[in-house]
Structures are given as C-alpha cells and as structure tokens.
C-alpha cells in the first residue's frame, strides 16, 4: 500500500491495477478518489480483477464517490477449464 500511495503523490494520467481476489484495500481506493482533485491527477483507471465480488465493491466505491465513472467492463476467460472470469474495466474521472 505504501508503494501505491507514493505513486499517487506523483503526476500521472493512467493508473493500472491488478489486485488480488480480495480487491483493493480501502486505503488505496480512497487514494484513487482523492487523487482526482489534483490538477495533474490520473484521468484513466484500468482495473483487472479476478474477484468479481471485490470488483463490484471497488466499483461501487469509485463510482459512488462521484469522481470516477465506469466507461467499459468486459469479462475474459483466460484459463480454459477454470470457473473464473477476469474482469477488465476502464474508469474515467468525471471532471
């Protein structure tokens, strides 16, 4: 989490995350929401998820903040024979 927080202290346009099944830590999600108020804050978030329930929780937090909007989400079967679908989602800032 400390590494992610340090990255968000710098100017960036795109964030790419691929969290574990448990999803993003609440601190990281809040950092993404707070980062949108900076002039040179991120404009695009690419989220790769292997845990759909955690993705829904994180998506609700991001979109519910009013700072991010979900642009597109799609499922991908990366491991044939497995019962897991990876979710690839793109969020944009609302400002």
Foldseek 3Di string as FASTA:
>chain_A
DVVLLVVLVDQDAEAEDEDAQQADDPVNLVSLQVQLVDPRGYFKYKYKHQHVVRVVVSQCSNVVSLFKDWDDKDWDDPDPPDPTIIIITMIGTPD
